[in-house]
Structure formats: structure tokens, C-alpha cells
C-alpha atoms as a PDB file:
ATOM      1  CA  MET A   1     -24.002 -71.293  44.610  1.00  0.00           C
ATOM      2  CA  SER A   2     -22.472 -71.651  40.931  1.00  0.00           C
ATOM      3  CA  ALA A   3     -25.352 -70.490  39.078  1.00  0.00           C
ATOM      4  CA  GLY A   4     -25.138 -67.435  41.253  1.00  0.00           C
ATOM      5  CA  SER A   5     -21.629 -66.692  40.778  1.00  0.00           C
ATOM      6  CA  HIS A   6     -21.853 -67.062  37.196  1.00  0.00           C
ATOM      7  CA  ILE A   7     -24.867 -64.447  37.129  1.00  0.00           C
ATOM      8  CA  SER A   8     -23.030 -61.958  39.339  1.00  0.00           C
ATOM      9  CA  SER A   9     -19.649 -62.218  37.587  1.00  0.00           C
ATOM     10  CA  PRO A  10     -20.293 -59.672  34.674  1.00  0.00           C
ATOM     11  CA  ILE A  11     -20.944 -57.039  37.491  1.00  0.00           C
ATOM     12  CA  PRO A  12     -17.465 -56.547  38.311  1.00  0.00           C
ATOM     13  CA  ALA A  13     -16.317 -56.506  34.625  1.00  0.00           C
ATOM     14  CA  ARG A  14     -19.097 -53.695  34.046  1.00  0.00           C
ATOM     15  CA  ILE A  15     -17.734 -51.764  36.938  1.00  0.00           C
ATOM     16  CA  VAL A  16     -14.449 -51.986  35.801  1.00  0.00           C
ATOM     17  CA  ILE A  17     -15.186 -50.953  32.268  1.00  0.00           C
ATOM     18  CA  ALA A  18     -16.984 -48.021  33.434  1.00  0.00           C
ATOM     19  CA  VAL A  19     -14.275 -46.912  35.896  1.00  0.00           C
ATOM     20  CA  SER A  20     -11.763 -47.237  33.177  1.00  0.00           C
ATOM     21  CA  ALA A  21     -14.152 -45.111  30.606  1.00  0.00           C
ATOM     22  CA  TRP A  22     -14.373 -42.347  33.306  1.00  0.00           C
ATOM     23  CA  ILE A  23     -10.516 -42.131  34.076  1.00  0.00           C
ATOM     24  CA  SER A  24     -10.041 -41.868  30.252  1.00  0.00           C
ATOM     25  CA  ALA A  25     -12.535 -39.393  29.997  1.00  0.00           C
ATOM     26  CA  ALA A  26     -10.695 -37.293  32.708  1.00  0.00           C
ATOM     27  CA  VAL A  27      -7.489 -37.793  31.480  1.00  0.00           C
ATOM     28  CA  VAL A  28      -8.587 -36.267  28.150  1.00  0.00           C
ATOM     29  CA  LEU A  29     -10.220 -33.525  29.867  1.00  0.00           C
ATOM     30  CA  SER A  30      -7.052 -32.966  31.999  1.00  0.00           C
ATOM     31  CA  ILE A  31      -5.079 -32.484  28.967  1.00  0.00           C
ATOM     32  CA  PHE A  32      -7.427 -30.211  27.249  1.00  0.00           C
ATOM     33  CA  LEU A  33      -7.569 -28.057  30.526  1.00  0.00           C
ATOM     34  CA  PHE A  34      -3.759 -28.049  30.670  1.00  0.00           C
ATOM     35  CA  LEU A  35      -3.366 -26.850  27.123  1.00  0.00           C
ATOM     36  CA  ALA A  36      -6.130 -24.189  27.354  1.00  0.00           C
ATOM     37  CA  TRP A  37      -4.750 -22.911  30.656  1.00  0.00           C
ATOM     38  CA  PHE A  38      -1.097 -22.497  28.948  1.00  0.00           C
ATOM     39  CA  CYS A  39      -2.777 -20.803  25.831  1.00  0.00           C
ATOM     40  CA  ARG A  40      -4.278 -17.980  28.020  1.00  0.00           C
ATOM     41  CA  PRO A  41      -1.431 -15.455  27.403  1.00  0.00           C
ATOM     42  CA  LEU A  42      -2.273 -16.074  23.510  1.00  0.00           C
ATOM     43  CA  LEU A  43      -5.591 -14.583  24.033  1.00  0.00           C
ATOM     44  CA  ASP A  44      -4.222 -11.061  23.322  1.00  0.00           C
ATOM     45  CA  THR A  45      -5.415  -9.786  19.731  1.00  0.00           C
ATOM     46  CA  THR A  46      -1.881  -8.890  18.605  1.00  0.00           C
ATOM     47  CA  VAL A  47      -0.489 -12.058  19.793  1.00  0.00           C
ATOM     48  CA  LEU A  48      -3.629 -14.375  18.406  1.00  0.00           C
ATOM     49  CA  SER A  49      -3.358 -12.270  14.943  1.00  0.00           C
ATOM     50  CA  SER A  50       0.535 -13.044  14.924  1.00  0.00           C
ATOM     51  CA  LEU A  51      -0.385 -16.790  15.412  1.00  0.00           C
ATOM     52  CA  LEU A  52      -3.183 -16.805  13.338  1.00  0.00           C
ATOM     53  CA  SER A  53      -1.254 -16.044  10.080  1.00  0.00           C
ATOM     54  CA  TRP A  54       0.654 -18.081   7.416  1.00  0.00           C
ATOM     55  CA  ASP A  55       3.997 -16.656   8.061  1.00  0.00           C
ATOM     56  CA  TRP A  56       6.371 -18.180  10.258  1.00  0.00           C
ATOM     57  CA  ARG A  57       9.561 -15.770  10.790  1.00  0.00           C
ATOM     58  CA  PRO A  58      10.100 -15.563  14.429  1.00  0.00           C
ATOM     59  CA  PHE A  59      13.546 -13.192  14.118  1.00  0.00           C
ATOM     60  CA  GLN A  60      11.039 -10.614  12.216  1.00  0.00           C
ATOM     61  CA  GLY A  61       8.341 -11.301  14.897  1.00  0.00           C
ATOM     62  CA  ASP A  62       6.114 -13.372  12.902  1.00  0.00           C
ATOM     63  CA  PHE A  63       4.608 -16.510  14.417  1.00  0.00           C
ATOM     64  CA  GLY A  64       2.141 -17.942  12.243  1.00  0.00           C
ATOM     65  CA  ILE A  65       1.212 -21.255  12.565  1.00  0.00           C
ATOM     66  CA  LEU A  66      -1.481 -21.843   9.863  1.00  0.00           C
ATOM     67  CA  SER A  67       0.934 -23.262   7.473  1.00  0.00           C
ATOM     68  CA  MET A  68       1.962 -26.119   9.919  1.00  0.00           C
ATOM     69  CA  LEU A  69      -1.848 -26.924  10.383  1.00  0.00           C
ATOM     70  CA  THR A  70      -2.094 -26.853   6.811  1.00  0.00           C
ATOM     71  CA  GLY A  71       0.846 -29.475   6.591  1.00  0.00           C
ATOM     72  CA  SER A  72      -0.293 -31.567   9.430  1.00  0.00           C
ATOM     73  CA  LEU A  73      -3.651 -32.189   7.776  1.00  0.00           C
ATOM     74  CA  LEU A  74      -2.259 -32.332   4.281  1.00  0.00           C
ATOM     75  CA  LEU A  75       0.123 -35.112   5.114  1.00  0.00           C
ATOM     76  CA  ALA A  76      -2.198 -37.282   7.548  1.00  0.00           C
ATOM     77  CA  SER A  77      -5.341 -37.052   4.844  1.00  0.00           C
ATOM     78  CA  SER A  78      -2.445 -37.943   1.989  1.00  0.00           C
ATOM     79  CA  SER A  79      -0.692 -40.938   3.786  1.00  0.00           C
ATOM     80  CA  MET A  80      -4.267 -42.283   5.009  1.00  0.00           C
ATOM     81  CA  LEU A  81      -5.391 -42.076   1.234  1.00  0.00           C
ATOM     82  CA  LEU A  82      -2.554 -44.316   0.238  1.00  0.00           C
ATOM     83  CA  ALA A  83      -2.319 -46.518   3.245  1.00  0.00           C
ATOM     84  CA  PHE A  84      -6.202 -47.285   3.569  1.00  0.00           C
ATOM     85  CA  PRO A  85      -6.794 -48.927   0.033  1.00  0.00           C
ATOM     86  CA  VAL A  86      -3.391 -50.884   0.501  1.00  0.00           C
ATOM     87  CA  GLY A  87      -4.296 -51.934   3.831  1.00  0.00           C
ATOM     88  CA  MET A  88      -7.685 -53.120   2.586  1.00  0.00           C
ATOM     89  CA  GLY A  89      -6.055 -55.126  -0.427  1.00  0.00           C
ATOM     90  CA  ILE A  90      -3.824 -56.872   2.076  1.00  0.00           C
ATOM     91  CA  CYS A  91      -6.843 -58.004   4.414  1.00  0.00           C
ATOM     92  CA  CYS A  92      -8.519 -59.255   1.356  1.00  0.00           C
ATOM     93  CA  PHE A  93      -5.528 -61.051   0.643  1.00  0.00           C
ATOM     94  CA  VAL A  94      -5.213 -62.314   4.038  1.00  0.00           C
ATOM     95  CA  HIS A  95      -8.917 -63.326   4.373  1.00  0.00           C
ATOM     96  CA  GLY A  96      -9.545 -65.769   1.259  1.00  0.00           C
ATOM     97  CA  VAL A  97      -8.118 -63.944  -1.959  1.00  0.00           C
ATOM     98  CA  GLY A  98      -4.496 -65.073  -1.263  1.00  0.00           C
ATOM     99  CA  PRO A  99      -3.185 -68.670  -0.811  1.00  0.00           C
ATOM    100  CA  PRO A 100      -2.935 -69.704   2.837  1.00  0.00           C
ATOM    101  CA  GLY A 101       0.933 -69.716   2.904  1.00  0.00           C
ATOM    102  CA  PRO A 102       1.763 -66.457   1.587  1.00  0.00           C
ATOM    103  CA  ALA A 103      -1.236 -64.738   3.419  1.00  0.00           C
ATOM    104  CA  ARG A 104       0.208 -66.437   6.813  1.00  0.00           C
ATOM    105  CA  LEU A 105       3.517 -64.737   5.862  1.00  0.00           C
ATOM    106  CA  VAL A 106       1.946 -61.414   4.766  1.00  0.00           C
ATOM    107  CA  LEU A 107       0.125 -61.262   8.205  1.00  0.00           C
ATOM    108  CA  TRP A 108       3.244 -62.076  10.199  1.00  0.00           C
ATOM    109  CA  THR A 109       5.149 -59.347   8.394  1.00  0.00           C
ATOM    110  CA  ILE A 110       2.392 -56.753   9.102  1.00  0.00           C
ATOM    111  CA  LYS A 111       2.690 -57.914  12.968  1.00  0.00           C
ATOM    112  CA  LEU A 112       6.317 -57.554  12.891  1.00  0.00           C
ATOM    113  CA  MET A 113       6.203 -54.044  11.318  1.00  0.00           C
ATOM    114  CA  THR A 114       4.283 -52.829  14.600  1.00  0.00           C
ATOM    115  CA  SER A 115       7.528 -53.586  16.710  1.00  0.00           C
ATOM    116  CA  VAL A 116       9.680 -51.634  14.711  1.00  0.00           C
ATOM    117  CA  PRO A 117      10.570 -47.838  16.373  1.00  0.00           C
ATOM    118  CA  THR A 118       9.531 -44.921  14.336  1.00  0.00           C
ATOM    119  CA  VAL A 119      12.863 -43.778  14.155  1.00  0.00           C
ATOM    120  CA  VAL A 120      13.992 -46.751  12.198  1.00  0.00           C
ATOM    121  CA  TYR A 121      11.586 -46.072   9.721  1.00  0.00           C
ATOM    122  CA  GLY A 122      12.754 -42.725   9.397  1.00  0.00           C
ATOM    123  CA  PHE A 123      16.340 -43.521   9.303  1.00  0.00           C
ATOM    124  CA  VAL A 124      16.172 -46.159   6.494  1.00  0.00           C
ATOM    125  CA  ALA A 125      13.528 -43.536   4.496  1.00  0.00           C
ATOM    126  CA  VAL A 126      16.683 -40.965   4.802  1.00  0.00           C
ATOM    127  CA  PHE A 127      19.029 -43.087   3.568  1.00  0.00           C
ATOM    128  CA  VAL A 128      16.888 -45.126   0.618  1.00  0.00           C
ATOM    129  CA  LEU A 129      13.806 -43.378   0.040  1.00  0.00           C
ATOM    130  CA  VAL A 130      14.815 -39.947  -0.031  1.00  0.00           C
ATOM    131  CA  PRO A 131      17.748 -40.150  -2.312  1.00  0.00           C
ATOM    132  CA  LEU A 132      15.625 -42.431  -4.825  1.00  0.00           C
ATOM    133  CA  LEU A 133      13.193 -39.451  -4.969  1.00  0.00           C
ATOM    134  CA  ARG A 134      15.726 -37.168  -5.784  1.00  0.00           C
ATOM    135  CA  ASP A 135      17.364 -38.955  -8.506  1.00  0.00           C
ATOM    136  CA  VAL A 136      14.230 -40.028 -10.103  1.00  0.00           C
ATOM    137  CA  PHE A 137      12.194 -36.671 -10.109  1.00  0.00           C
ATOM    138  CA  ARG A 138      15.162 -34.315 -10.073  1.00  0.00           C
ATOM    139  CA  GLU A 139      13.032 -31.979  -7.857  1.00  0.00           C
ATOM    140  CA  GLY A 140      14.538 -30.273  -4.677  1.00  0.00           C
ATOM    141  CA  SER A 141      16.542 -31.736  -2.008  1.00  0.00           C
ATOM    142  CA  GLY A 142      14.129 -35.206  -1.671  1.00  0.00           C
ATOM    143  CA  PHE A 143      13.230 -34.197   1.844  1.00  0.00           C
ATOM    144  CA  SER A 144       9.503 -33.062   0.654  1.00  0.00           C
ATOM    145  CA  LEU A 145       5.691 -33.821   1.161  1.00  0.00           C
ATOM    146  CA  LEU A 146       6.222 -36.754  -0.914  1.00  0.00           C
ATOM    147  CA  ALA A 147       8.703 -38.329   0.966  1.00  0.00           C
ATOM    148  CA  ALA A 148       6.562 -38.037   4.423  1.00  0.00           C
ATOM    149  CA  ILE A 149       3.678 -39.136   2.609  1.00  0.00           C
ATOM    150  CA  LEU A 150       5.212 -42.301   1.493  1.00  0.00           C
ATOM    151  CA  GLY A 151       7.000 -42.710   5.166  1.00  0.00           C
ATOM    152  CA  LEU A 152       4.018 -41.999   6.994  1.00  0.00           C
ATOM    153  CA  ALA A 153       1.805 -44.511   4.964  1.00  0.00           C
ATOM    154  CA  VAL A 154       4.177 -47.346   5.754  1.00  0.00           C
ATOM    155  CA  LEU A 155       3.995 -46.144   9.271  1.00  0.00           C
ATOM    156  CA  VAL A 156       0.230 -46.185   9.617  1.00  0.00           C
ATOM    157  CA  LEU A 157      -0.032 -49.287   7.525  1.00  0.00           C
ATOM    158  CA  PRO A 158      -0.108 -52.113  10.155  1.00  0.00           C
ATOM    159  CA  THR A 159      -2.749 -50.076  12.247  1.00  0.00           C
ATOM    160  CA  VAL A 160      -5.187 -50.026   9.399  1.00  0.00           C
ATOM    161  CA  VAL A 161      -4.386 -53.609   8.446  1.00  0.00           C
ATOM    162  CA  LEU A 162      -4.599 -55.144  12.136  1.00  0.00           C
ATOM    163  CA  MET A 163      -7.845 -53.446  12.709  1.00  0.00           C
ATOM    164  CA  LEU A 164      -9.711 -54.505   9.631  1.00  0.00           C
ATOM    165  CA  HIS A 165      -7.971 -58.053  10.205  1.00  0.00           C
ATOM    166  CA  SER A 166      -9.735 -58.101  13.657  1.00  0.00           C
ATOM    167  CA  GLN A 167     -13.262 -56.873  12.207  1.00  0.00           C
ATOM    168  CA  PHE A 168     -12.970 -59.621   9.800  1.00  0.00           C
ATOM    169  CA  LEU A 169     -12.277 -62.197  12.082  1.00  0.00           C
ATOM    170  CA  THR A 170     -15.361 -61.350  14.155  1.00  0.00           C
ATOM    171  CA  ILE A 171     -17.661 -61.069  11.253  1.00  0.00           C
ATOM    172  CA  GLU A 172     -16.675 -64.412   9.442  1.00  0.00           C
ATOM    173  CA  PRO A 173     -17.742 -66.869  11.934  1.00  0.00           C
ATOM    174  CA  GLN A 174     -20.978 -65.134  11.973  1.00  0.00           C
ATOM    175  CA  VAL A 175     -21.521 -65.754   8.226  1.00  0.00           C
ATOM    176  CA  ARG A 176     -19.851 -68.830   7.998  1.00  0.00           C
ATOM    177  CA  LEU A 177     -22.929 -70.974   7.555  1.00  0.00           C
ATOM    178  CA  THR A 178     -24.803 -68.656   5.295  1.00  0.00           C
ATOM    179  CA  ALA A 179     -21.610 -68.742   3.000  1.00  0.00           C
ATOM    180  CA  ALA A 180     -21.455 -72.406   3.091  1.00  0.00           C
ATOM    181  CA  ALA A 181     -25.314 -72.907   2.467  1.00  0.00           C
ATOM    182  CA  LEU A 182     -24.828 -70.615  -0.622  1.00  0.00           C
ATOM    183  CA  GLY A 183     -21.948 -72.521  -1.940  1.00  0.00           C
ATOM    184  CA  MET A 184     -19.655 -69.487  -1.744  1.00  0.00           C
ATOM    185  CA  ALA A 185     -16.006 -69.549  -2.402  1.00  0.00           C
ATOM    186  CA  PRO A 186     -13.693 -67.626   0.300  1.00  0.00           C
ATOM    187  CA  SER A 187     -13.399 -64.492  -1.918  1.00  0.00           C
ATOM    188  CA  GLN A 188     -16.958 -64.376  -2.760  1.00  0.00           C
ATOM    189  CA  LYS A 189     -17.733 -64.739   1.232  1.00  0.00           C
ATOM    190  CA  LEU A 190     -15.516 -62.051   1.552  1.00  0.00           C
ATOM    191  CA  LEU A 191     -16.742 -59.673  -1.019  1.00  0.00           C
ATOM    192  CA  HIS A 192     -20.507 -59.891  -0.508  1.00  0.00           C
ATOM    193  CA  LEU A 193     -20.877 -60.958   3.254  1.00  0.00           C
ATOM    194  CA  VAL A 194     -17.737 -60.209   5.343  1.00  0.00           C
ATOM    195  CA  ILE A 195     -16.812 -56.679   4.077  1.00  0.00           C
ATOM    196  CA  PRO A 196     -20.627 -55.205   3.987  1.00  0.00           C
ATOM    197  CA  ALA A 197     -20.835 -56.380   7.663  1.00  0.00           C
ATOM    198  CA  SER A 198     -17.407 -54.694   8.527  1.00  0.00           C
ATOM    199  CA  GLY A 199     -18.631 -50.875   8.725  1.00  0.00           C
ATOM    200  CA  ARG A 200     -17.515 -50.772  12.303  1.00  0.00           C
ATOM    201  CA  GLY A 201     -14.022 -51.926  11.383  1.00  0.00           C
ATOM    202  CA  PHE A 202     -13.416 -49.589   8.573  1.00  0.00           C
ATOM    203  CA  LEU A 203     -14.216 -46.675  11.051  1.00  0.00           C
ATOM    204  CA  ALA A 204     -12.327 -47.730  13.875  1.00  0.00           C
ATOM    205  CA  ALA A 205      -9.298 -48.191  11.126  1.00  0.00           C
ATOM    206  CA  ALA A 206      -9.865 -44.667   9.668  1.00  0.00           C
ATOM    207  CA  ILE A 207     -10.004 -43.160  13.232  1.00  0.00           C
ATOM    208  CA  LEU A 208      -7.024 -44.795  14.653  1.00  0.00           C
ATOM    209  CA  GLY A 209      -4.723 -44.533  11.351  1.00  0.00           C
ATOM    210  CA  LEU A 210      -5.566 -40.867  10.945  1.00  0.00           C
ATOM    211  CA  GLY A 211      -4.959 -40.155  14.666  1.00  0.00           C
ATOM    212  CA  ARG A 212      -1.700 -42.172  13.977  1.00  0.00           C
ATOM    213  CA  ALA A 213      -0.660 -40.111  11.271  1.00  0.00           C
ATOM    214  CA  LEU A 214      -1.965 -36.732  12.839  1.00  0.00           C
ATOM    215  CA  GLY A 215       0.246 -37.503  15.864  1.00  0.00           C
ATOM    216  CA  ASP A 216       3.541 -38.875  14.510  1.00  0.00           C
ATOM    217  CA  THR A 217       6.566 -36.784  15.004  1.00  0.00           C
ATOM    218  CA  MET A 218       9.619 -38.557  13.838  1.00  0.00           C
ATOM    219  CA  ILE A 219       8.352 -39.166  10.316  1.00  0.00           C
ATOM    220  CA  PRO A 220       7.554 -35.338   9.279  1.00  0.00           C
ATOM    221  CA  LEU A 221      10.628 -34.458  11.306  1.00  0.00           C
ATOM    222  CA  MET A 222      13.164 -36.509   9.360  1.00  0.00           C
ATOM    223  CA  LEU A 223      11.391 -36.506   5.922  1.00  0.00           C
ATOM    224  CA  ALA A 224       9.285 -33.305   5.361  1.00  0.00           C
ATOM    225  CA  GLY A 225      12.196 -30.819   5.273  1.00  0.00           C
ATOM    226  CA  ASN A 226      10.436 -28.602   7.953  1.00  0.00           C
ATOM    227  CA  ALA A 227      10.046 -25.317   5.826  1.00  0.00           C
ATOM    228  CA  ALA A 228       7.097 -23.568   7.466  1.00  0.00           C
ATOM    229  CA  GLN A 229       5.466 -23.005   4.321  1.00  0.00           C
ATOM    230  CA  LEU A 230       2.401 -24.023   2.157  1.00  0.00           C
ATOM    231  CA  PRO A 231       3.647 -26.499  -0.430  1.00  0.00           C
ATOM    232  CA  GLY A 232       3.039 -25.612  -3.994  1.00  0.00           C
ATOM    233  CA  SER A 233       3.635 -29.244  -5.351  1.00  0.00           C
ATOM    234  CA  VAL A 234       4.359 -32.585  -3.445  1.00  0.00           C
ATOM    235  CA  PHE A 235       8.142 -32.078  -3.976  1.00  0.00           C
ATOM    236  CA  ASP A 236       8.081 -28.935  -1.806  1.00  0.00           C
ATOM    237  CA  SER A 237       9.273 -29.198   1.864  1.00  0.00           C
ATOM    238  CA  ILE A 238       6.556 -28.570   4.804  1.00  0.00           C
ATOM    239  CA  ARG A 239       6.710 -28.397   8.598  1.00  0.00           C
ATOM    240  CA  THR A 240       3.924 -30.136  10.697  1.00  0.00           C
ATOM    241  CA  MET A 241       2.724 -28.920  14.001  1.00  0.00           C
ATOM    242  CA  THR A 242       4.133 -31.861  15.700  1.00  0.00           C
ATOM    243  CA  ALA A 243       7.600 -31.568  14.066  1.00  0.00           C
ATOM    244  CA  HIS A 244       7.288 -27.778  15.274  1.00  0.00           C
ATOM    245  CA  ILE A 245       6.911 -28.621  18.660  1.00  0.00           C
ATOM    246  CA  ALA A 246       9.893 -31.100  18.866  1.00  0.00           C
ATOM    247  CA  LEU A 247      12.089 -28.457  16.887  1.00  0.00           C
ATOM    248  CA  VAL A 248      11.122 -25.620  19.141  1.00  0.00           C
ATOM    249  CA  VAL A 249      11.123 -26.962  22.584  1.00  0.00           C
ATOM    250  CA  ALA A 250      14.402 -28.001  22.178  1.00  0.00           C
ATOM    251  CA  THR A 251      15.940 -24.633  21.811  1.00  0.00           C
ATOM    252  CA  ASP A 252      13.412 -22.108  23.313  1.00  0.00           C
ATOM    253  CA  SER A 253      11.667 -21.827  26.682  1.00  0.00           C
ATOM    254  CA  ARG A 254      10.847 -18.077  27.110  1.00  0.00           C
ATOM    255  CA  SER A 255       9.671 -16.585  23.615  1.00  0.00           C
ATOM    256  CA  LEU A 256       6.514 -16.103  21.702  1.00  0.00           C
ATOM    257  CA  ALA A 257       7.823 -18.887  19.650  1.00  0.00           C
ATOM    258  CA  TYR A 258       7.676 -21.262  22.647  1.00  0.00           C
ATOM    259  CA  LEU A 259       3.890 -20.440  23.478  1.00  0.00           C
ATOM    260  CA  SER A 260       2.835 -21.219  20.097  1.00  0.00           C
ATOM    261  CA  LEU A 261       3.667 -24.808  20.978  1.00  0.00           C
ATOM    262  CA  PHE A 262       0.715 -24.803  23.278  1.00  0.00           C
ATOM    263  CA  ALA A 263      -1.468 -23.416  20.462  1.00  0.00           C
ATOM    264  CA  CYS A 264      -0.303 -26.068  18.192  1.00  0.00           C
ATOM    265  CA  GLY A 265      -1.123 -28.688  20.998  1.00  0.00           C
ATOM    266  CA  LEU A 266      -4.490 -27.543  21.361  1.00  0.00           C
ATOM    267  CA  LEU A 267      -5.149 -27.209  17.681  1.00  0.00           C
ATOM    268  CA  LEU A 268      -4.005 -30.853  17.179  1.00  0.00           C
ATOM    269  CA  PHE A 269      -6.219 -32.064  20.081  1.00  0.00           C
ATOM    270  CA  MET A 270      -9.144 -30.203  18.746  1.00  0.00           C
ATOM    271  CA  THR A 271      -8.648 -31.407  15.189  1.00  0.00           C
ATOM    272  CA  THR A 272      -8.220 -34.735  16.267  1.00  0.00           C
ATOM    273  CA  ALA A 273     -11.402 -34.692  18.096  1.00  0.00           C
ATOM    274  CA  LEU A 274     -13.304 -33.046  15.731  1.00  0.00           C
ATOM    275  CA  ILE A 275     -12.251 -35.549  13.031  1.00  0.00           C
ATOM    276  CA  ASN A 276     -13.210 -38.386  15.157  1.00  0.00           C
ATOM    277  CA  LEU A 277     -16.482 -36.922  16.077  1.00  0.00           C
ATOM    278  CA  GLY A 278     -17.393 -36.298  12.202  1.00  0.00           C
ATOM    279  CA  LEU A 279     -16.416 -39.735  11.241  1.00  0.00           C
ATOM    280  CA  ARG A 280     -18.640 -41.149  14.268  1.00  0.00           C
ATOM    281  CA  MET A 281     -21.500 -39.175  13.325  1.00  0.00           C
ATOM    282  CA  LEU A 282     -21.061 -40.275   9.718  1.00  0.00           C
ATOM    283  CA  ALA A 283     -21.384 -43.677  10.617  1.00  0.00           C
ATOM    284  CA  GLY A 284     -24.445 -43.333  12.648  1.00  0.00           C
ATOM    285  CA  ASN A 285     -26.213 -41.533   9.800  1.00  0.00           C
ATOM    286  CA  ARG A 286     -25.599 -44.414   7.601  1.00  0.00           C
ATOM    287  CA  GLU A 287     -26.715 -47.178   9.984  1.00  0.00           C
ATOM    288  CA  ASN A 288     -29.946 -44.974  10.525  1.00  0.00           C
ATOM    289  CA  GLY A 289     -30.396 -44.661   6.881  1.00  0.00           C
ATOM    290  CA  SER A 290     -29.962 -48.496   6.357  1.00  0.00           C
END
């Protein structure tokens, strides 16, 4: 009886996982259909040409959202380019490069950062980071693309670190005997064995971190300046699609500006899906090539 129970026990777990996967897929599809349904009024040629432009001047009848799409992509990619190598360095420090005591303290701090509300990061940045940038660079008001990049990089850093950390924890037991047989130091084991075998962890960290950066609202809303324009430098203000949704939904519910929110939501959805698909295809090609 005990042997039979051990054999049959994985079946319910597989069923639960399969049901959860189908439910998740259904929820994602429902969100897509919801956004697509409310975007139907925007399919008119005149309305669509107004939306797919660079100018956002609602009082003059210009409702272009391309500058916000560009701002979202620029901010998310820039913050990830900053957060990912820093997160990689922190993980290396925790997994053999740094002393055990400070390494545990750093990891505990990163875990603590995940419990801090996003609005707290933005609030502190408004009163510390923005005045610092304004005084140091003397360019603009300080509410800029640069301020949003730095704030968002801090926000997504725990996501990157913890995803890489969990992957390293999975790989390390598998290579421990090999490293011991070769007489490797902890840093050598990390560099030559753990990191090369952690490709899936890097992919997961990139996907989740970039999705977190694209989907955040409070940091761009509080730090980026919310000017619907293409930035000429990192000291210029921008408006992201998430900030645009938060600003317009609080003040309007009838005009074309309100309908533009559904277009922004659909573009965010499709952008995130395409980025995830592209990263997975890239990882698949690398695995096939190896």
C-alpha cells in the first residue's frame, strides 16, 4: 500500500500544476480580449492616426501615445542595464566572493527591500535623489529620465538578485563534488562552474526584472516629470504609459484621451509578451547551438 501510494502521489501534483497553468493562460487571454474589446472604437482611421503619433496635446485634439511607448521602453531597458550587472555582482559577493558575515547581511538587506512599498522608494527619491541630481548637474528640475532610471533600478534590483540567488542555490550542490575534486576555491567554483550552468536563471531574472520595470507606475509617475515628449538627454522629463494611465484615469472617463488608456494597456501587454517570447527564443537558440 505504501509503495502504491508513493507511486501515485505525483499524479495529483501534476494535475494541480496543469490546472494552474490552464487557469493562468485563461486569465492572460481574458485580459488580452478585454483590452482588445475596448480598443474597438480606436480602429477608425482618423482616431488611429491620431493615437499613433508623437504629439500629446489633448486640448488641440492630438492624442499621440508613441512618445509614451518610447519612454516606457527606454526607461525599462536603461534601468535593467543598470540593475542587472549590479545584481550579478551582489550574487557573486553572496556566493563565495565576499566574506560569509557581510554576505549574509547583504542578502538579508536585499530580502528586506522586497517588503518596502514602491511609493516609499519614490517618496524618498523625491526628497533625496531629485534635489541631489538638480544640485550636481544643474540641468532642469531634477524630475527626469535619469532620476527615474536610478529609482527604478533600485526597485527591480531585489527581483534580479533573488532570481539569480535561487538559481545559484540550485546549481551549487550539483557541482560541489566536482569543485572539491579539482581543488577549486569558492570564487573559482562560482566563476567556472556555477555561472556557466545558470543560463535559465539569467533568463528568468531578465524577464521578471524587465516586466517589473515596464509595469511599474509609481516610480515613473513620481520621478520622471510626466512630460509627453521624446527626451533629448537623460535630464529631460518623460511620461511612461503606466504613468499616463494613472494620470488620465483619475481625471477623465469620456474623451479620446480616456480611450487611449486601453491602447496603452494593449501595447504594454503586447510589448511584454514579445519581449518574453524573444528572450525565450534566444535562450532556446543558444541551448540548441550548444
